[in-house]
């Protein structure tokens, strides 16, 4: 499947965004509702949101994890299904 893509879990009101196919080196909780899976180089592999209504901190993603604007825009397009960014 082409990255990024999103998987919803409506039973627990959450979603996971698969960003790359890189192996997960560690998981970092950045808020009460957001966990990031990070690769060995410090890039985001996946984003877990434990509440469908949570807003993702894209500025933090670009500043601390070097997420490109292009990737941010692709993720925002995916998230339009749940709420407006």
N, C-alpha and C. Protein backbone atom coordinates (compact mmCIF):
# COMPACT_ATOMS: atom_id res chain seq x y z
N UNK A 1 0.84 -1.18 0.00
CA UNK A 1 0.00 0.00 0.00
C UNK A 1 0.88 1.25 0.00
N UNK A 2 0.45 2.26 -0.72
CA UNK A 2 1.22 3.50 -0.82
C UNK A 2 1.17 4.29 0.48
N UNK A 3 2.29 4.88 0.87
CA UNK A 3 2.38 5.67 2.10
C UNK A 3 2.20 7.14 1.77
N UNK A 4 1.70 7.94 2.65
CA UNK A 4 1.10 7.54 3.92
C UNK A 4 -0.32 7.02 3.71
N UNK A 5 -0.75 6.20 4.65
CA UNK A 5 -2.15 5.79 4.68
C UNK A 5 -2.59 5.70 6.13
N UNK A 6 -3.90 5.68 6.31
CA UNK A 6 -4.47 5.77 7.65
C UNK A 6 -5.37 4.58 7.92
N UNK A 7 -5.32 4.10 9.16
CA UNK A 7 -6.20 3.03 9.63
C UNK A 7 -6.98 3.55 10.82
N UNK A 8 -8.29 3.39 10.78
CA UNK A 8 -9.15 3.84 11.87
C UNK A 8 -9.53 2.67 12.76
N UNK A 9 -9.67 2.95 14.04
CA UNK A 9 -10.23 1.99 15.00
C UNK A 9 -11.39 2.69 15.69
N UNK A 10 -12.58 2.50 15.13
CA UNK A 10 -13.75 3.21 15.66
C UNK A 10 -14.20 2.68 17.02
N UNK A 11 -13.76 1.47 17.37
CA UNK A 11 -14.12 0.93 18.69
C UNK A 11 -13.48 1.73 19.82
N UNK A 12 -12.27 2.22 19.58
CA UNK A 12 -11.59 3.00 20.63
C UNK A 12 -11.34 4.44 20.19
N UNK A 13 -12.02 4.89 19.12
CA UNK A 13 -11.97 6.29 18.70
C UNK A 13 -10.54 6.76 18.44
N UNK A 14 -9.80 5.99 17.61
CA UNK A 14 -8.40 6.32 17.35
C UNK A 14 -8.05 6.05 15.89
N UNK A 15 -6.84 6.48 15.52
CA UNK A 15 -6.33 6.16 14.18
C UNK A 15 -4.81 6.07 14.23
N UNK A 16 -4.27 5.41 13.19
CA UNK A 16 -2.82 5.28 13.04
C UNK A 16 -2.48 5.65 11.60
N UNK A 17 -1.50 6.52 11.45
CA UNK A 17 -1.03 6.92 10.12
C UNK A 17 0.31 6.23 9.86
N UNK A 18 0.33 5.40 8.84
CA UNK A 18 1.57 4.74 8.41
C UNK A 18 2.30 5.72 7.49
N UNK A 19 3.46 6.19 7.93
CA UNK A 19 4.20 7.21 7.19
C UNK A 19 5.24 6.58 6.27
N UNK A 20 6.02 5.62 6.79
CA UNK A 20 7.04 4.92 5.99
C UNK A 20 7.03 3.44 6.34
N UNK A 21 7.84 2.68 5.62
CA UNK A 21 8.00 1.25 5.89
C UNK A 21 9.23 0.96 6.75
N UNK A 22 9.91 1.99 7.22
CA UNK A 22 11.12 1.80 8.02
C UNK A 22 10.78 1.08 9.33
N UNK A 23 11.70 0.30 9.87
CA UNK A 23 11.45 -0.35 11.15
C UNK A 23 11.34 0.67 12.29
N UNK A 24 10.51 0.37 13.24
CA UNK A 24 10.32 1.25 14.40
C UNK A 24 11.47 1.01 15.37
N UNK A 25 12.15 2.10 15.74
CA UNK A 25 13.24 2.04 16.70
C UNK A 25 12.71 2.31 18.11
N UNK A 26 11.81 3.30 18.22
CA UNK A 26 11.22 3.61 19.52
C UNK A 26 9.89 4.32 19.31
N UNK A 27 9.08 4.33 20.36
CA UNK A 27 7.82 5.04 20.37
C UNK A 27 7.93 6.16 21.39
N UNK A 28 7.51 7.35 20.97
CA UNK A 28 7.62 8.53 21.83
C UNK A 28 6.24 9.15 22.00
N UNK A 29 5.79 9.26 23.24
CA UNK A 29 4.54 9.95 23.52
C UNK A 29 4.80 11.44 23.54
N UNK A 30 4.11 12.18 22.68
CA UNK A 30 4.33 13.63 22.65
C UNK A 30 3.19 14.40 23.29
N UNK A 31 2.10 13.71 23.59
CA UNK A 31 0.99 14.30 24.33
C UNK A 31 0.17 13.15 24.90
N UNK A 32 -0.87 13.51 25.61
CA UNK A 32 -1.74 12.49 26.20
C UNK A 32 -2.39 11.62 25.11
N UNK A 33 -2.57 12.18 23.93
CA UNK A 33 -3.31 11.49 22.88
C UNK A 33 -2.51 11.16 21.63
N UNK A 34 -1.22 11.50 21.59
CA UNK A 34 -0.42 11.28 20.38
C UNK A 34 0.88 10.55 20.71
N UNK A 35 1.12 9.45 19.99
CA UNK A 35 2.37 8.71 20.08
C UNK A 35 3.00 8.67 18.69
N UNK A 36 4.31 8.81 18.67
CA UNK A 36 5.04 8.74 17.40
C UNK A 36 5.93 7.51 17.41
N UNK A 37 5.91 6.76 16.33
CA UNK A 37 6.88 5.70 16.11
C UNK A 37 8.01 6.32 15.30
N UNK A 38 9.24 6.16 15.80
CA UNK A 38 10.41 6.82 15.24
C UNK A 38 11.40 5.76 14.75
N UNK A 39 12.08 6.04 13.63
CA UNK A 39 13.12 5.12 13.15
C UNK A 39 14.46 5.46 13.82
N UNK A 40 15.50 4.71 13.50
CA UNK A 40 16.82 4.90 14.12
C UNK A 40 17.43 6.26 13.83
N UNK A 41 17.04 6.87 12.71
CA UNK A 41 17.58 8.18 12.35
C UNK A 41 16.78 9.34 12.92
N UNK A 42 15.69 9.03 13.61
CA UNK A 42 14.88 10.07 14.24
C UNK A 42 13.72 10.58 13.41
N UNK A 43 13.40 9.88 12.32
CA UNK A 43 12.28 10.28 11.47
C UNK A 43 11.01 9.53 11.88
N UNK A 44 9.87 10.15 11.62
CA UNK A 44 8.58 9.56 11.99
C UNK A 44 8.24 8.41 11.04
N UNK A 45 7.94 7.26 11.63
CA UNK A 45 7.52 6.07 10.88
C UNK A 45 5.99 5.97 10.88
N UNK A 46 5.39 6.33 12.02
CA UNK A 46 3.95 6.26 12.16
C UNK A 46 3.47 7.19 13.26
N UNK A 47 2.20 7.56 13.16
CA UNK A 47 1.57 8.47 14.12
C UNK A 47 0.32 7.81 14.65
N UNK A 48 0.25 7.65 15.97
CA UNK A 48 -0.94 7.10 16.61
C UNK A 48 -1.67 8.22 17.33
N UNK A 49 -2.94 8.40 17.01
CA UNK A 49 -3.78 9.38 17.68
C UNK A 49 -4.86 8.62 18.43
N UNK A 50 -4.92 8.82 19.73
CA UNK A 50 -5.83 8.07 20.59
C UNK A 50 -7.17 8.76 20.78
N UNK A 51 -7.46 9.73 19.92
CA UNK A 51 -8.72 10.45 19.93
C UNK A 51 -8.92 10.97 18.51
N UNK A 52 -10.05 10.66 17.91
CA UNK A 52 -10.28 11.09 16.53
C UNK A 52 -10.28 12.60 16.39
N UNK A 53 -10.57 13.33 17.44
CA UNK A 53 -10.64 14.78 17.37
C UNK A 53 -9.35 15.51 17.64
N UNK A 54 -8.29 14.80 17.98
CA UNK A 54 -7.03 15.47 18.33
C UNK A 54 -6.41 16.11 17.09
N UNK A 55 -5.87 17.32 17.27
CA UNK A 55 -5.16 18.00 16.19
C UNK A 55 -3.68 17.63 16.26
N UNK A 56 -3.12 17.27 15.14
CA UNK A 56 -1.71 16.90 15.10
C UNK A 56 -0.84 18.16 15.05
N UNK A 57 0.27 18.17 15.79
CA UNK A 57 1.15 19.34 15.84
C UNK A 57 2.16 19.34 14.68
N UNK A 58 1.69 19.72 13.50
CA UNK A 58 2.54 19.65 12.31
C UNK A 58 3.78 20.52 12.41
N UNK A 59 3.68 21.66 13.08
CA UNK A 59 4.87 22.51 13.24
C UNK A 59 5.95 21.77 14.02
N UNK A 60 5.56 21.06 15.06
CA UNK A 60 6.50 20.25 15.85
C UNK A 60 7.10 19.15 14.98
N UNK A 61 6.25 18.53 14.15
CA UNK A 61 6.74 17.46 13.27
C UNK A 61 7.83 17.98 12.33
N UNK A 62 7.63 19.17 11.79
CA UNK A 62 8.63 19.70 10.85
C UNK A 62 9.89 20.17 11.59
N UNK A 63 9.72 20.80 12.74
CA UNK A 63 10.87 21.33 13.47
C UNK A 63 11.71 20.24 14.14
N UNK A 64 11.06 19.29 14.78
CA UNK A 64 11.79 18.29 15.57
C UNK A 64 12.05 16.99 14.84
N UNK A 65 11.28 16.70 13.79
CA UNK A 65 11.41 15.41 13.10
C UNK A 65 11.63 15.55 11.60
N UNK A 66 11.88 16.79 11.14
CA UNK A 66 12.19 17.07 9.73
C UNK A 66 11.13 16.54 8.76
N UNK A 67 9.86 16.59 9.16
CA UNK A 67 8.79 16.16 8.26
C UNK A 67 8.58 17.23 7.19
N UNK A 68 8.61 16.81 5.94
CA UNK A 68 8.48 17.75 4.83
C UNK A 68 7.06 18.31 4.75
N UNK A 69 6.95 19.49 4.15
CA UNK A 69 5.65 20.11 3.94
C UNK A 69 4.80 19.24 3.02
N UNK A 70 5.41 18.62 2.04
CA UNK A 70 4.69 17.74 1.12
C UNK A 70 4.04 16.58 1.87
N UNK A 71 4.78 15.96 2.78
CA UNK A 71 4.23 14.85 3.56
C UNK A 71 3.14 15.35 4.50
N UNK A 72 3.36 16.50 5.12
CA UNK A 72 2.34 17.07 5.99
C UNK A 72 1.03 17.28 5.23
N UNK A 73 1.13 17.80 4.01
CA UNK A 73 -0.07 18.04 3.20
C UNK A 73 -0.78 16.74 2.82
N UNK A 74 -0.01 15.69 2.55
CA UNK A 74 -0.62 14.39 2.23
C UNK A 74 -1.39 13.86 3.44
N UNK A 75 -0.80 14.00 4.62
CA UNK A 75 -1.45 13.55 5.85
C UNK A 75 -2.70 14.37 6.13
N UNK A 76 -2.62 15.66 5.92
CA UNK A 76 -3.80 16.53 6.13
C UNK A 76 -4.94 16.12 5.21
N UNK A 77 -4.62 15.75 3.98
CA UNK A 77 -5.65 15.29 3.04
C UNK A 77 -6.33 14.02 3.57
N UNK A 78 -5.53 13.11 4.12
CA UNK A 78 -6.10 11.89 4.69
C UNK A 78 -7.04 12.20 5.85
N UNK A 79 -6.67 13.19 6.65
CA UNK A 79 -7.42 13.51 7.85
C UNK A 79 -8.71 14.29 7.59
N UNK A 80 -8.89 14.78 6.39
CA UNK A 80 -10.12 15.51 6.08
C UNK A 80 -11.35 14.64 6.30
N UNK A 81 -11.16 13.33 6.29
CA UNK A 81 -12.29 12.41 6.53
C UNK A 81 -12.81 12.54 7.96
N UNK A 82 -11.98 12.99 8.89
CA UNK A 82 -12.43 13.10 10.28
C UNK A 82 -12.69 14.52 10.74
N UNK A 83 -11.84 15.44 10.34
CA UNK A 83 -12.05 16.84 10.72
C UNK A 83 -11.21 17.74 9.84
N UNK A 84 -11.51 19.01 9.86
CA UNK A 84 -10.78 19.98 9.02
C UNK A 84 -9.49 20.42 9.66
N UNK A 85 -8.42 20.47 8.88
CA UNK A 85 -7.12 20.94 9.37
C UNK A 85 -6.83 22.30 8.82
